[in-house]
């Protein structure tokens, strides 16, 4: 999976990569909608590091979790991690 490389940082309501531009901008809620804009921006800015951490976790834990090639024998934590990776990589 490829995403925009570099450090994703918050700049106001936008996530930017220095020298490359804006990744996204979180709009203000419309029609009295309620969004946790600050928290959403923090989560988006951390996305590349979270993805790397999750991939490294699965690599480190793979041998102790999967029995043979049977993915149904993964622990609950690994099933959740695998589902999150599939979603992040567009495989879900």
Protein backbone atom coordinates (compact mmCIF):
# COMPACT_ATOMS: atom_id res chain seq x y z
CA UNK A 1 0.00 0.00 0.00
CA UNK A 2 1.25 3.44 -0.82
CA UNK A 3 0.24 6.67 0.84
CA UNK A 4 1.74 10.15 0.83
CA UNK A 5 5.11 9.81 2.48
CA UNK A 6 6.46 12.27 4.99
CA UNK A 7 5.40 13.51 8.37
CA UNK A 8 1.69 14.31 8.46
CA UNK A 9 1.16 17.38 10.64
CA UNK A 10 -1.83 19.44 11.73
CA UNK A 11 -2.05 22.97 10.43
CA UNK A 12 -5.31 24.53 11.55
CA UNK A 13 -8.08 22.25 10.29
CA UNK A 14 -5.81 20.67 7.67
CA UNK A 15 -3.32 17.81 7.60
CA UNK A 16 -0.24 18.77 5.62
CA UNK A 17 3.06 17.26 4.52
CA UNK A 18 5.77 19.89 4.51
CA UNK A 19 6.80 20.78 1.00
CA UNK A 20 4.14 18.57 -0.56
CA UNK A 21 0.83 20.17 0.33
CA UNK A 22 -2.48 19.41 1.99
CA UNK A 23 -3.55 15.80 2.60
CA UNK A 24 -7.05 16.75 3.76
CA UNK A 25 -9.10 19.42 5.49
CA UNK A 26 -11.76 18.67 8.07
CA UNK A 27 -14.80 20.87 7.51
CA UNK A 28 -16.77 22.44 10.30
CA UNK A 29 -19.98 20.53 11.07
CA UNK A 30 -23.02 21.65 9.08
CA UNK A 31 -26.67 21.63 10.12
CA UNK A 32 -25.80 21.51 13.81
CA UNK A 33 -23.89 18.28 13.24
CA UNK A 34 -21.48 17.22 15.91
CA UNK A 35 -17.97 16.16 14.94
CA UNK A 36 -14.96 15.87 17.17
CA UNK A 37 -12.88 17.90 14.72
CA UNK A 38 -9.80 18.23 16.94
CA UNK A 39 -9.74 14.52 17.75
CA UNK A 40 -10.35 13.54 14.12
CA UNK A 41 -7.45 15.72 12.99
CA UNK A 42 -5.15 14.17 15.59
CA UNK A 43 -6.13 10.66 14.46
CA UNK A 44 -5.63 11.46 10.78
CA UNK A 45 -2.24 13.07 11.46
CA UNK A 46 -1.13 9.91 13.31
CA UNK A 47 -2.40 7.53 10.59
CA UNK A 48 0.96 6.75 8.91
CA UNK A 49 2.65 5.98 12.24
CA UNK A 50 -0.32 3.89 13.40
CA UNK A 51 -0.26 1.91 10.15
CA UNK A 52 3.47 1.23 10.48
CA UNK A 53 3.07 0.19 14.12
CA UNK A 54 0.22 -2.18 13.27
CA UNK A 55 2.17 -3.76 10.41
CA UNK A 56 5.20 -4.25 12.68
CA UNK A 57 3.00 -5.76 15.40
CA UNK A 58 1.54 -8.29 12.97
CA UNK A 59 5.00 -9.21 11.65
CA UNK A 60 6.31 -9.73 15.19
CA UNK A 61 3.26 -11.64 16.43
CA UNK A 62 2.53 -13.66 13.28
CA UNK A 63 4.41 -16.82 14.25
CA UNK A 64 2.80 -17.15 17.66
CA UNK A 65 -0.72 -16.37 16.53
CA UNK A 66 -1.47 -18.27 13.30
CA UNK A 67 -1.60 -22.04 13.43
CA UNK A 68 -0.33 -23.20 10.05
CA UNK A 69 -2.06 -21.38 7.22
CA UNK A 70 -5.46 -21.41 8.93
CA UNK A 71 -6.39 -17.74 9.48
CA UNK A 72 -9.46 -18.81 11.47
CA UNK A 73 -7.13 -19.77 14.33
CA UNK A 74 -5.88 -16.22 14.91
CA UNK A 75 -6.42 -14.58 18.29
CA UNK A 76 -9.08 -11.88 18.55
CA UNK A 77 -6.46 -9.12 18.71
CA UNK A 78 -4.84 -10.32 15.48
CA UNK A 79 -8.22 -10.62 13.75
CA UNK A 80 -8.97 -7.00 14.68
CA UNK A 81 -5.49 -5.90 13.56
CA UNK A 82 -5.85 -7.75 10.24
CA UNK A 83 -9.28 -6.18 9.62
CA UNK A 84 -7.88 -2.70 10.30
CA UNK A 85 -4.95 -3.33 7.94
CA UNK A 86 -7.32 -4.57 5.23
CA UNK A 87 -9.44 -1.44 5.62
CA UNK A 88 -6.39 0.87 5.51
CA UNK A 89 -5.03 -0.91 2.43
CA UNK A 90 -8.35 -0.91 0.56
CA UNK A 91 -8.76 -4.70 0.75
CA UNK A 92 -11.97 -4.65 2.77
